[in-house]
Amino acid sequence: MEILAEGKGDYLRPDPDGFRAWVRDHKPRTLVNKLMGEQEAITRLVSDGDYFAYDCNYFARGPSSLIREVIRQGKKDLWVCGKFTYVAAALLVEGGCASKLDIGFVGFGPWLSKAVAEGRLQTYEYSNVVLTYRLQAGAQGLPFIGVRSFGGTDGFPNSGAKLVKDPFSGKPVVLLPALNPDVSIIHVHQADIYGNARVFGTGIAHVECALASKKVILSTEEIIETDEFRRDPARTSIPHFVVDAVVHAPFGAYPGTVQGRYASDPAHVVECFGGMMQGNLKAYLEKWVYSVSSHEEMLEKRVGWKKLQELQRRETIREGYSV
């Protein structure tokens, strides 16, 4: 196949056969109780140097409690898949956790330019859909996937993509390297103790994230019985055999929303965005991450039940997002 142009950015090298072998050797197909606390899940399954992905963002069904635990534990040298994200990437960089960032969309600000200028962060440019396609290729066991976008953009030269001559039509087409993260974290509406999970309503790439990753940590609003999944298997979004840990985390997406469950907290969102745009998230991280030992303690000491009830009342859209 003739290569017409190629990006010069670094990328996680595809190894579909190696990924297949890893899954075969490390993913039991039997029903194993995977319920554990957030501290244990992050300690056991997120390692320094991992390629780290998360689905959705800090303000919309994002795995926010797990992201805060990653920062609290001081994980280092993570390569982050920054698709459809706003402040989570900034928090991971400012928390000293991320040293590489594949950028689809992030909330740009002084934090990013400062981290790059100081040599603390390397960035590689893609787009939201391109990173999602890379995960799709990884989920399908392919080494690459062809797309009809991204070629000719400013991001292409700083990516791992290649422009090739399509052997069928002779026209140029972009090939993207498949992506198999070391670990992905995903927040869901419901799960059982074995890792079967439901995401209601719209989503982004929770299925692709789960199927493409070596290790998967789910946080869930609600633990339900496995019989519920058996009674209505068509509503299962993520199957148990790709999941490694299940964390029961009501309000796990706070300060963001979980559609059908609770609305976001505008005051908290403004506080977080303010720190990001000022390039100083130290006060935010101290208040919401380091000064509390867990998600539960944060909700109790920093939010309170009255505010949480208010967020539940403010979530008025139910169609398609609830049982």
C-alpha atoms as a PDB file:
ATOM      1  CA  MET A   1       0.000   0.000   0.000  1.00  0.00           C
ATOM      2  CA  GLU A   2       1.468   3.339  -1.039  1.00  0.00           C
ATOM      3  CA  ILE A   3       1.960   5.855   1.785  1.00  0.00           C
ATOM      4  CA  LEU A   4       1.333   9.401   0.560  1.00  0.00           C
ATOM      5  CA  ALA A   5       1.959  11.236   3.845  1.00  0.00           C
ATOM      6  CA  GLU A   6       2.284  10.397   7.522  1.00  0.00           C
ATOM      7  CA  GLY A   7       2.141  12.149  10.860  1.00  0.00           C
ATOM      8  CA  LYS A   8       5.288  12.384  12.955  1.00  0.00           C
ATOM      9  CA  GLY A   9       3.628  12.179  16.361  1.00  0.00           C
ATOM     10  CA  ASP A  10       4.258   9.313  18.768  1.00  0.00           C
ATOM     11  CA  TYR A  11       1.419   6.859  19.339  1.00  0.00           C
ATOM     12  CA  LEU A  12       0.655   3.712  21.284  1.00  0.00           C
ATOM     13  CA  ARG A  13       1.747   0.978  18.906  1.00  0.00           C
ATOM     14  CA  PRO A  14      -1.019  -1.414  17.853  1.00  0.00           C
ATOM     15  CA  ASP A  15      -0.492  -5.053  18.784  1.00  0.00           C
ATOM     16  CA  PRO A  16      -3.814  -6.812  18.147  1.00  0.00           C
ATOM     17  CA  ASP A  17      -2.364 -10.292  18.599  1.00  0.00           C
ATOM     18  CA  GLY A  18      -0.665  -9.292  21.842  1.00  0.00           C
ATOM     19  CA  PHE A  19      -3.902  -7.730  23.081  1.00  0.00           C
ATOM     20  CA  ARG A  20      -5.825 -10.861  22.140  1.00  0.00           C
ATOM     21  CA  ALA A  21      -3.342 -13.020  24.056  1.00  0.00           C
ATOM     22  CA  TRP A  22      -3.492 -10.694  27.093  1.00  0.00           C
ATOM     23  CA  VAL A  23      -7.285 -10.889  27.186  1.00  0.00           C
ATOM     24  CA  ARG A  24      -7.168 -14.667  26.828  1.00  0.00           C
ATOM     25  CA  ASP A  25      -4.772 -15.023  29.752  1.00  0.00           C
ATOM     26  CA  HIS A  26      -6.208 -12.360  32.094  1.00  0.00           C
ATOM     27  CA  LYS A  27      -9.970 -12.125  31.494  1.00  0.00           C
ATOM     28  CA  PRO A  28     -12.016 -14.947  33.044  1.00  0.00           C
ATOM     29  CA  ARG A  29     -15.341 -15.673  31.353  1.00  0.00           C
ATOM     30  CA  THR A  30     -16.910 -16.997  34.541  1.00  0.00           C
ATOM     31  CA  LEU A  31     -19.028 -14.905  36.899  1.00  0.00           C
ATOM     32  CA  VAL A  32     -16.543 -13.533  39.428  1.00  0.00           C
ATOM     33  CA  ASN A  33     -17.502 -11.033  42.122  1.00  0.00           C
ATOM     34  CA  LYS A  34     -15.611  -7.859  41.152  1.00  0.00           C
ATOM     35  CA  LEU A  35     -17.162  -5.447  43.632  1.00  0.00           C
ATOM     36  CA  MET A  36     -14.537  -3.375  45.453  1.00  0.00           C
ATOM     37  CA  GLY A  37     -13.888   0.122  46.748  1.00  0.00           C
ATOM     38  CA  GLU A  38     -12.454   2.898  44.603  1.00  0.00           C
ATOM     39  CA  GLN A  39      -9.134   2.894  46.448  1.00  0.00           C
ATOM     40  CA  GLU A  40      -8.591  -0.833  45.880  1.00  0.00           C
ATOM     41  CA  ALA A  41      -9.664  -0.650  42.235  1.00  0.00           C
ATOM     42  CA  ILE A  42      -7.284   2.186  41.357  1.00  0.00           C
ATOM     43  CA  THR A  43      -4.430   0.698  43.397  1.00  0.00           C
ATOM     44  CA  ARG A  44      -4.739  -2.703  41.752  1.00  0.00           C
ATOM     45  CA  LEU A  45      -5.544  -1.765  38.185  1.00  0.00           C
ATOM     46  CA  VAL A  46      -3.960   1.611  37.359  1.00  0.00           C
ATOM     47  CA  SER A  47      -0.167   1.550  37.136  1.00  0.00           C
ATOM     48  CA  ASP A  48       2.362   4.291  36.513  1.00  0.00           C
ATOM     49  CA  GLY A  49       3.045   4.583  32.786  1.00  0.00           C
ATOM     50  CA  ASP A  50      -0.306   3.169  31.691  1.00  0.00           C
ATOM     51  CA  TYR A  51      -2.200   4.355  28.636  1.00  0.00           C
ATOM     52  CA  PHE A  52      -5.303   5.669  30.402  1.00  0.00           C
ATOM     53  CA  ALA A  53      -8.726   6.278  28.872  1.00  0.00           C
ATOM     54  CA  TYR A  54     -12.045   7.415  30.277  1.00  0.00           C
ATOM     55  CA  ASP A  55     -15.447   7.729  28.690  1.00  0.00           C
ATOM     56  CA  CYS A  56     -17.530  10.910  28.757  1.00  0.00           C
ATOM     57  CA  ASN A  57     -16.296  13.969  30.589  1.00  0.00           C
ATOM     58  CA  TYR A  58     -16.113  15.478  34.059  1.00  0.00           C
ATOM     59  CA  PHE A  59     -19.486  17.183  33.608  1.00  0.00           C
ATOM     60  CA  ALA A  60     -21.593  14.527  31.821  1.00  0.00           C
ATOM     61  CA  ARG A  61     -21.629  10.948  33.165  1.00  0.00           C
ATOM     62  CA  GLY A  62     -17.887  11.014  33.552  1.00  0.00           C
ATOM     63  CA  PRO A  63     -16.092   8.699  36.017  1.00  0.00           C
ATOM     64  CA  SER A  64     -15.268  11.736  38.157  1.00  0.00           C
ATOM     65  CA  SER A  65     -14.889   9.942  41.484  1.00  0.00           C
ATOM     66  CA  LEU A  66     -12.387   7.522  39.920  1.00  0.00           C
ATOM     67  CA  ILE A  67     -10.443  10.355  38.271  1.00  0.00           C
ATOM     68  CA  ARG A  68     -10.126  12.074  41.649  1.00  0.00           C
ATOM     69  CA  GLU A  69      -8.893   8.817  43.190  1.00  0.00           C
ATOM     70  CA  VAL A  70      -6.232   8.449  40.489  1.00  0.00           C
ATOM     71  CA  ILE A  71      -5.010  11.953  41.385  1.00  0.00           C
ATOM     72  CA  ARG A  72      -5.285  11.281  45.127  1.00  0.00           C
ATOM     73  CA  GLN A  73      -3.072   8.219  44.788  1.00  0.00           C
ATOM     74  CA  GLY A  74      -0.501  10.175  42.773  1.00  0.00           C
ATOM     75  CA  LYS A  75      -0.306   7.898  39.744  1.00  0.00           C
ATOM     76  CA  LYS A  76       2.487   9.016  37.406  1.00  0.00           C
ATOM     77  CA  ASP A  77       3.417   9.175  33.729  1.00  0.00           C
ATOM     78  CA  LEU A  78      -0.018   8.312  32.359  1.00  0.00           C
ATOM     79  CA  TRP A  79      -0.671   8.682  28.649  1.00  0.00           C
ATOM     80  CA  VAL A  80      -4.221  10.040  28.530  1.00  0.00           C
ATOM     81  CA  CYS A  81      -6.828   9.629  25.805  1.00  0.00           C
ATOM     82  CA  GLY A  82      -8.320  13.132  25.838  1.00  0.00           C
ATOM     83  CA  LYS A  83     -11.502  12.770  23.794  1.00  0.00           C
ATOM     84  CA  PHE A  84     -14.702  14.722  24.500  1.00  0.00           C
ATOM     85  CA  THR A  85     -13.159  16.132  27.643  1.00  0.00           C
ATOM     86  CA  TYR A  86     -13.028  19.540  29.340  1.00  0.00           C
ATOM     87  CA  VAL A  87     -11.254  19.710  32.672  1.00  0.00           C
ATOM     88  CA  ALA A  88     -10.406  16.075  33.478  1.00  0.00           C
ATOM     89  CA  ALA A  89      -7.229  16.266  31.404  1.00  0.00           C
ATOM     90  CA  ALA A  90      -6.282  19.507  33.148  1.00  0.00           C
ATOM     91  CA  LEU A  91      -6.816  17.925  36.569  1.00  0.00           C
ATOM     92  CA  LEU A  92      -4.683  14.906  35.667  1.00  0.00           C
ATOM     93  CA  VAL A  93      -1.890  17.116  34.331  1.00  0.00           C
ATOM     94  CA  GLU A  94      -1.977  19.538  37.256  1.00  0.00           C
ATOM     95  CA  GLY A  95      -2.108  16.595  39.653  1.00  0.00           C
ATOM     96  CA  GLY A  96       1.178  15.341  38.194  1.00  0.00           C
ATOM     97  CA  CYS A  97      -0.426  12.185  36.806  1.00  0.00           C
ATOM     98  CA  ALA A  98      -0.289  12.712  33.034  1.00  0.00           C
ATOM     99  CA  SER A  99       2.844  13.227  30.951  1.00  0.00           C
ATOM    100  CA  LYS A 100       1.372  12.519  27.492  1.00  0.00           C
ATOM    101  CA  LEU A 101      -1.971  13.565  26.058  1.00  0.00           C
ATOM    102  CA  ASP A 102      -3.711  12.488  22.875  1.00  0.00           C
ATOM    103  CA  ILE A 103      -5.909  15.514  22.254  1.00  0.00           C
ATOM    104  CA  GLY A 104      -9.327  15.178  20.707  1.00  0.00           C
ATOM    105  CA  PHE A 105     -10.901  18.088  22.534  1.00  0.00           C
ATOM    106  CA  VAL A 106      -9.809  19.568  25.845  1.00  0.00           C
ATOM    107  CA  GLY A 107     -10.639  22.819  27.599  1.00  0.00           C
ATOM    108  CA  PHE A 108      -7.641  24.872  26.510  1.00  0.00           C
ATOM    109  CA  GLY A 109      -6.071  27.264  28.986  1.00  0.00           C
ATOM    110  CA  PRO A 110      -2.809  28.345  30.590  1.00  0.00           C
ATOM    111  CA  TRP A 111      -2.506  24.963  32.304  1.00  0.00           C
ATOM    112  CA  LEU A 112      -1.890  23.305  28.935  1.00  0.00           C
ATOM    113  CA  SER A 113       0.519  25.795  27.386  1.00  0.00           C
ATOM    114  CA  LYS A 114       2.456  26.058  30.664  1.00  0.00           C
ATOM    115  CA  ALA A 115       2.779  22.273  31.053  1.00  0.00           C
ATOM    116  CA  VAL A 116       4.006  21.900  27.460  1.00  0.00           C
ATOM    117  CA  ALA A 117       6.447  24.824  27.770  1.00  0.00           C
ATOM    118  CA  GLU A 118       7.908  23.383  30.978  1.00  0.00           C
ATOM    119  CA  GLY A 119       8.370  19.958  29.406  1.00  0.00           C
ATOM    120  CA  ARG A 120       5.913  18.278  31.761  1.00  0.00           C
ATOM    121  CA  LEU A 121       3.518  17.292  28.977  1.00  0.00           C
ATOM    122  CA  GLN A 122       3.738  16.038  25.405  1.00  0.00           C
ATOM    123  CA  THR A 123       0.652  16.427  23.228  1.00  0.00           C
ATOM    124  CA  TYR A 124      -0.451  14.666  20.061  1.00  0.00           C
ATOM    125  CA  GLU A 125      -3.353  16.001  18.036  1.00  0.00           C
ATOM    126  CA  TYR A 126      -6.364  14.087  16.806  1.00  0.00           C
ATOM    127  CA  SER A 127     -10.090  14.798  16.965  1.00  0.00           C
ATOM    128  CA  ASN A 128     -12.924  13.403  19.037  1.00  0.00           C
ATOM    129  CA  VAL A 129     -14.165  11.170  16.253  1.00  0.00           C
ATOM    130  CA  VAL A 130     -10.644  10.054  15.281  1.00  0.00           C
ATOM    131  CA  LEU A 131      -9.847   8.900  18.826  1.00  0.00           C
ATOM    132  CA  THR A 132     -13.203   7.136  18.971  1.00  0.00           C
ATOM    133  CA  TYR A 133     -12.460   5.364  15.682  1.00  0.00           C
ATOM    134  CA  ARG A 134      -9.080   4.277  17.096  1.00  0.00           C
ATOM    135  CA  LEU A 135     -10.870   2.696  20.060  1.00  0.00           C
ATOM    136  CA  GLN A 136     -13.334   1.044  17.679  1.00  0.00           C
ATOM    137  CA  ALA A 137     -10.456  -0.516  15.762  1.00  0.00           C
ATOM    138  CA  GLY A 138      -8.957  -1.740  19.020  1.00  0.00           C
ATOM    139  CA  ALA A 139     -12.291  -3.243  20.041  1.00  0.00           C
ATOM    140  CA  GLN A 140     -12.526  -5.060  16.714  1.00  0.00           C
ATOM    141  CA  GLY A 141      -9.021  -6.529  16.978  1.00  0.00           C
ATOM    142  CA  LEU A 142      -7.734  -4.569  13.987  1.00  0.00           C
ATOM    143  CA  PRO A 143      -4.283  -2.929  13.665  1.00  0.00           C
ATOM    144  CA  PHE A 144      -5.777   0.150  11.969  1.00  0.00           C
ATOM    145  CA  ILE A 145      -8.984   1.649  10.625  1.00  0.00           C
ATOM    146  CA  GLY A 146      -9.635   3.753   7.537  1.00  0.00           C
ATOM    147  CA  VAL A 147     -11.532   7.068   7.750  1.00  0.00           C
ATOM    148  CA  ARG A 148     -12.488   9.799   5.324  1.00  0.00           C
ATOM    149  CA  SER A 149     -11.525  12.686   7.581  1.00  0.00           C
ATOM    150  CA  PHE A 150      -8.515  14.235   9.341  1.00  0.00           C
ATOM    151  CA  GLY A 151      -6.252  14.274   6.280  1.00  0.00           C
ATOM    152  CA  GLY A 152      -5.131  17.798   5.394  1.00  0.00           C
ATOM    153  CA  THR A 153      -5.812  19.151   8.888  1.00  0.00           C
ATOM    154  CA  ASP A 154      -3.293  20.916  11.096  1.00  0.00           C
ATOM    155  CA  GLY A 155      -3.512  17.987  13.517  1.00  0.00           C
ATOM    156  CA  PHE A 156      -2.452  15.337  11.002  1.00  0.00           C
ATOM    157  CA  PRO A 157       1.339  16.095  11.050  1.00  0.00           C
ATOM    158  CA  ASN A 158       1.425  15.763  14.866  1.00  0.00           C
ATOM    159  CA  SER A 159      -0.460  12.479  14.971  1.00  0.00           C
ATOM    160  CA  GLY A 160       0.211   8.829  14.251  1.00  0.00           C
ATOM    161  CA  ALA A 161      -2.074   8.756  11.210  1.00  0.00           C
ATOM    162  CA  LYS A 162      -1.018   7.885   7.666  1.00  0.00           C
ATOM    163  CA  LEU A 163      -2.459   9.019   4.324  1.00  0.00           C
ATOM    164  CA  VAL A 164      -2.389   6.137   1.860  1.00  0.00           C
ATOM    165  CA  LYS A 165      -3.564   5.303  -1.621  1.00  0.00           C
ATOM    166  CA  ASP A 166      -6.735   3.263  -1.388  1.00  0.00           C
ATOM    167  CA  PRO A 167      -5.951   0.008  -3.268  1.00  0.00           C
ATOM    168  CA  PHE A 168      -9.582  -0.243  -4.434  1.00  0.00           C
ATOM    169  CA  SER A 169     -10.324   3.258  -5.756  1.00  0.00           C
ATOM    170  CA  GLY A 170      -6.858   4.765  -6.030  1.00  0.00           C
ATOM    171  CA  LYS A 171      -8.014   7.757  -3.984  1.00  0.00           C
ATOM    172  CA  PRO A 172      -6.329   8.963  -0.762  1.00  0.00           C
ATOM    173  CA  VAL A 173      -7.675   7.676   2.542  1.00  0.00           C
ATOM    174  CA  VAL A 174      -6.492   8.144   6.135  1.00  0.00           C
ATOM    175  CA  LEU A 175      -5.434   5.158   8.237  1.00  0.00           C
ATOM    176  CA  LEU A 176      -5.509   5.468  12.029  1.00  0.00           C
ATOM    177  CA  PRO A 177      -3.567   3.187  14.377  1.00  0.00           C
ATOM    178  CA  ALA A 178      -5.818   1.068  16.590  1.00  0.00           C
ATOM    179  CA  LEU A 179      -5.919   1.926  20.263  1.00  0.00           C
ATOM    180  CA  ASN A 180      -5.913  -0.632  23.084  1.00  0.00           C
ATOM    181  CA  PRO A 181      -5.608   1.259  26.381  1.00  0.00           C
ATOM    182  CA  ASP A 182      -3.988  -0.380  29.364  1.00  0.00           C
ATOM    183  CA  VAL A 183      -6.941   0.721  31.485  1.00  0.00           C
ATOM    184  CA  SER A 184     -10.252   2.492  30.968  1.00  0.00           C
ATOM    185  CA  ILE A 185     -12.619   3.893  33.579  1.00  0.00           C
ATOM    186  CA  ILE A 186     -16.322   4.236  32.822  1.00  0.00           C
ATOM    187  CA  HIS A 187     -19.293   5.469  34.864  1.00  0.00           C
ATOM    188  CA  VAL A 188     -22.604   3.671  34.299  1.00  0.00           C
ATOM    189  CA  HIS A 189     -26.185   3.853  35.495  1.00  0.00           C
ATOM    190  CA  GLN A 190     -26.451   0.261  36.727  1.00  0.00           C
ATOM    191  CA  ALA A 191     -24.178  -2.746  37.179  1.00  0.00           C
ATOM    192  CA  ASP A 192     -24.159  -6.081  38.926  1.00  0.00           C
ATOM    193  CA  ILE A 193     -21.300  -7.375  41.045  1.00  0.00           C
ATOM    194  CA  TYR A 194     -19.861  -9.300  38.088  1.00  0.00           C
ATOM    195  CA  GLY A 195     -19.493  -6.296  35.765  1.00  0.00           C
ATOM    196  CA  ASN A 196     -22.572  -6.473  33.562  1.00  0.00           C
ATOM    197  CA  ALA A 197     -23.567  -2.846  33.077  1.00  0.00           C
ATOM    198  CA  ARG A 198     -26.253  -0.599  31.651  1.00  0.00           C
ATOM    199  CA  VAL A 199     -25.869   2.887  30.246  1.00  0.00           C
ATOM    200  CA  PHE A 200     -29.218   4.527  29.558  1.00  0.00           C
ATOM    201  CA  GLY A 201     -29.819   7.071  26.830  1.00  0.00           C
ATOM    202  CA  THR A 202     -27.089   8.457  24.645  1.00  0.00           C
ATOM    203  CA  GLY A 203     -23.420   7.696  25.107  1.00  0.00           C
ATOM    204  CA  ILE A 204     -20.130   8.282  23.370  1.00  0.00           C
ATOM    205  CA  ALA A 205     -17.860   5.241  23.277  1.00  0.00           C
ATOM    206  CA  HIS A 206     -18.410   3.292  26.474  1.00  0.00           C
ATOM    207  CA  VAL A 207     -18.785   0.006  24.592  1.00  0.00           C
ATOM    208  CA  GLU A 208     -15.678   0.595  22.444  1.00  0.00           C
ATOM    209  CA  CYS A 209     -13.700   1.738  25.499  1.00  0.00           C
ATOM    210  CA  ALA A 210     -14.601  -1.403  27.425  1.00  0.00           C
ATOM    211  CA  LEU A 211     -13.976  -3.851  24.575  1.00  0.00           C
ATOM    212  CA  ALA A 212     -10.685  -2.238  23.522  1.00  0.00           C
ATOM    213  CA  SER A 213      -9.014  -2.042  26.947  1.00  0.00           C
ATOM    214  CA  LYS A 214      -6.866  -4.531  28.809  1.00  0.00           C
ATOM    215  CA  LYS A 215      -8.327  -3.486  32.163  1.00  0.00           C
ATOM    216  CA  VAL A 216     -11.725  -1.895  32.821  1.00  0.00           C
ATOM    217  CA  ILE A 217     -12.967  -0.234  36.001  1.00  0.00           C
ATOM    218  CA  LEU A 218     -16.654   0.597  36.243  1.00  0.00           C
ATOM    219  CA  SER A 219     -18.169   2.981  38.737  1.00  0.00           C
ATOM    220  CA  THR A 220     -21.930   2.716  38.993  1.00  0.00           C
ATOM    221  CA  GLU A 221     -24.821   4.654  40.429  1.00  0.00           C
ATOM    222  CA  GLU A 222     -26.626   1.481  41.410  1.00  0.00           C
ATOM    223  CA  ILE A 223     -25.868  -2.191  42.021  1.00  0.00           C
ATOM    224  CA  ILE A 224     -28.669  -4.447  40.800  1.00  0.00           C
ATOM    225  CA  GLU A 225     -29.193  -8.202  40.780  1.00  0.00           C
ATOM    226  CA  THR A 226     -27.857 -10.289  37.905  1.00  0.00           C
ATOM    227  CA  ASP A 227     -31.354 -11.648  37.373  1.00  0.00           C
ATOM    228  CA  GLU A 228     -32.347  -8.179  36.159  1.00  0.00           C
ATOM    229  CA  PHE A 229     -29.815  -8.475  33.328  1.00  0.00           C
ATOM    230  CA  ARG A 230     -31.042 -11.962  32.478  1.00  0.00           C
ATOM    231  CA  ARG A 231     -34.649 -10.790  32.339  1.00  0.00           C
ATOM    232  CA  ASP A 232     -33.790  -8.055  29.806  1.00  0.00           C
ATOM    233  CA  PRO A 233     -30.394  -8.846  28.231  1.00  0.00           C
ATOM    234  CA  ALA A 234     -30.909  -6.393  25.348  1.00  0.00           C
ATOM    235  CA  ARG A 235     -30.347  -3.513  27.784  1.00  0.00           C
ATOM    236  CA  THR A 236     -26.864  -4.739  28.742  1.00  0.00           C
ATOM    237  CA  SER A 237     -24.387  -2.163  27.429  1.00  0.00           C
ATOM    238  CA  ILE A 238     -21.154  -3.711  28.715  1.00  0.00           C
ATOM    239  CA  PRO A 239     -20.697  -7.473  29.337  1.00  0.00           C
ATOM    240  CA  HIS A 240     -19.155  -8.786  32.541  1.00  0.00           C
ATOM    241  CA  PHE A 241     -16.244 -10.599  30.894  1.00  0.00           C
ATOM    242  CA  VAL A 242     -14.467  -7.376  29.852  1.00  0.00           C
ATOM    243  CA  VAL A 243     -14.736  -5.769  33.312  1.00  0.00           C
ATOM    244  CA  ASP A 244     -12.133  -6.089  36.085  1.00  0.00           C
ATOM    245  CA  ALA A 245     -13.626  -4.008  38.909  1.00  0.00           C
ATOM    246  CA  VAL A 246     -17.024  -2.641  39.892  1.00  0.00           C
ATOM    247  CA  VAL A 247     -17.165   0.324  42.269  1.00  0.00           C
ATOM    248  CA  HIS A 248     -20.500   1.321  43.795  1.00  0.00           C
ATOM    249  CA  ALA A 249     -20.363   5.125  43.556  1.00  0.00           C
ATOM    250  CA  PRO A 250     -23.688   6.965  43.877  1.00  0.00           C
ATOM    251  CA  PHE A 251     -23.177  10.510  42.553  1.00  0.00           C
ATOM    252  CA  GLY A 252     -19.941   9.207  41.033  1.00  0.00           C
ATOM    253  CA  ALA A 253     -20.135  11.744  38.212  1.00  0.00           C
ATOM    254  CA  TYR A 254     -20.459  14.746  40.549  1.00  0.00           C
ATOM    255  CA  PRO A 255     -20.077  17.682  39.837  1.00  0.00           C
ATOM    256  CA  GLY A 256     -21.411  16.516  36.490  1.00  0.00           C
ATOM    257  CA  THR A 257     -24.770  15.086  35.569  1.00  0.00           C
ATOM    258  CA  VAL A 258     -25.937  11.529  35.137  1.00  0.00           C
ATOM    259  CA  GLN A 259     -28.875  11.772  32.788  1.00  0.00           C
ATOM    260  CA  GLY A 260     -32.084  10.682  34.450  1.00  0.00           C
ATOM    261  CA  ARG A 261     -30.486  10.689  37.914  1.00  0.00           C
ATOM    262  CA  TYR A 262     -29.227  14.157  38.843  1.00  0.00           C
ATOM    263  CA  ALA A 263     -28.223  17.464  37.324  1.00  0.00           C
ATOM    264  CA  SER A 264     -24.792  19.078  37.449  1.00  0.00           C
ATOM    265  CA  ASP A 265     -23.701  21.536  40.157  1.00  0.00           C
ATOM    266  CA  PRO A 266     -23.231  24.914  38.401  1.00  0.00           C
ATOM    267  CA  ALA A 267     -21.302  26.538  41.265  1.00  0.00           C
ATOM    268  CA  HIS A 268     -18.802  23.683  41.335  1.00  0.00           C
ATOM    269  CA  VAL A 269     -18.477  23.744  37.536  1.00  0.00           C
ATOM    270  CA  VAL A 270     -17.659  27.471  37.620  1.00  0.00           C
ATOM    271  CA  GLU A 271     -15.110  26.897  40.389  1.00  0.00           C
ATOM    272  CA  CYS A 272     -13.394  24.145  38.414  1.00  0.00           C
ATOM    273  CA  PHE A 273     -13.438  26.035  35.104  1.00  0.00           C
ATOM    274  CA  GLY A 274     -12.146  29.150  36.840  1.00  0.00           C
ATOM    275  CA  GLY A 275      -9.080  27.364  38.150  1.00  0.00           C
ATOM    276  CA  MET A 276      -8.434  25.796  34.759  1.00  0.00           C
ATOM    277  CA  MET A 277      -8.692  29.076  32.852  1.00  0.00           C
ATOM    278  CA  GLN A 278      -6.422  30.802  35.385  1.00  0.00           C
ATOM    279  CA  GLY A 279      -3.873  28.031  35.050  1.00  0.00           C
ATOM    280  CA  ASN A 280      -3.988  27.330  38.766  1.00  0.00           C
ATOM    281  CA  LEU A 281      -5.888  24.273  39.962  1.00  0.00           C
ATOM    282  CA  LYS A 282      -3.944  23.793  43.206  1.00  0.00           C
ATOM    283  CA  ALA A 283      -6.686  25.220  45.421  1.00  0.00           C
ATOM    284  CA  TYR A 284      -9.334  23.180  43.645  1.00  0.00           C
ATOM    285  CA  LEU A 285      -7.355  19.933  43.971  1.00  0.00           C
ATOM    286  CA  GLU A 286      -6.645  20.596  47.645  1.00  0.00           C
ATOM    287  CA  LYS A 287     -10.315  21.204  48.425  1.00  0.00           C
ATOM    288  CA  TRP A 288     -11.917  18.444  46.371  1.00  0.00           C
ATOM    289  CA  VAL A 289      -9.220  15.755  46.182  1.00  0.00           C
ATOM    290  CA  TYR A 290      -6.341  15.875  48.650  1.00  0.00           C
ATOM    291  CA  SER A 291      -8.179  17.077  51.769  1.00  0.00           C
ATOM    292  CA  VAL A 292     -10.645  14.169  51.695  1.00  0.00           C
ATOM    293  CA  SER A 293      -9.862  10.470  51.732  1.00  0.00           C
ATOM    294  CA  SER A 294     -12.635   9.206  49.486  1.00  0.00           C
ATOM    295  CA  HIS A 295     -15.587  10.031  47.272  1.00  0.00           C
ATOM    296  CA  GLU A 296     -17.964   9.387  50.169  1.00  0.00           C
ATOM    297  CA  GLU A 297     -16.099  11.781  52.470  1.00  0.00           C
ATOM    298  CA  MET A 298     -16.075  14.436  49.751  1.00  0.00           C
ATOM    299  CA  LEU A 299     -19.848  14.197  49.345  1.00  0.00           C
ATOM    300  CA  GLU A 300     -20.368  14.335  53.090  1.00  0.00           C
ATOM    301  CA  LYS A 301     -17.974  17.174  53.930  1.00  0.00           C
ATOM    302  CA  ARG A 302     -17.920  19.278  50.766  1.00  0.00           C
ATOM    303  CA  VAL A 303     -21.381  18.802  49.223  1.00  0.00           C
ATOM    304  CA  GLY A 304     -23.961  17.578  51.728  1.00  0.00           C
ATOM    305  CA  TRP A 305     -27.192  15.674  51.355  1.00  0.00           C
ATOM    306  CA  LYS A 306     -29.289  18.823  50.928  1.00  0.00           C
ATOM    307  CA  LYS A 307     -27.351  19.825  47.793  1.00  0.00           C
ATOM    308  CA  LEU A 308     -27.466  16.284  46.425  1.00  0.00           C
ATOM    309  CA  GLN A 309     -31.252  16.194  46.842  1.00  0.00           C
ATOM    310  CA  GLU A 310     -31.464  19.502  45.020  1.00  0.00           C
ATOM    311  CA  LEU A 311     -29.473  18.086  42.106  1.00  0.00           C
ATOM    312  CA  GLN A 312     -31.843  15.108  41.967  1.00  0.00           C
ATOM    313  CA  ARG A 313     -34.882  17.414  41.847  1.00  0.00           C
ATOM    314  CA  ARG A 314     -33.329  19.526  39.095  1.00  0.00           C
ATOM    315  CA  GLU A 315     -32.882  16.557  36.755  1.00  0.00           C
ATOM    316  CA  THR A 316     -36.204  16.648  34.938  1.00  0.00           C
ATOM    317  CA  ILE A 317     -35.455  14.728  31.707  1.00  0.00           C
ATOM    318  CA  ARG A 318     -36.331  11.091  32.326  1.00  0.00           C
ATOM    319  CA  GLU A 319     -37.374   9.701  28.945  1.00  0.00           C
ATOM    320  CA  GLY A 320     -34.859   7.105  27.792  1.00  0.00           C
ATOM    321  CA  TYR A 321     -32.619   7.528  30.839  1.00  0.00           C
ATOM    322  CA  SER A 322     -34.321   5.462  33.498  1.00  0.00           C
ATOM    323  CA  VAL A 323     -35.680   1.982  34.114  1.00  0.00           C
END
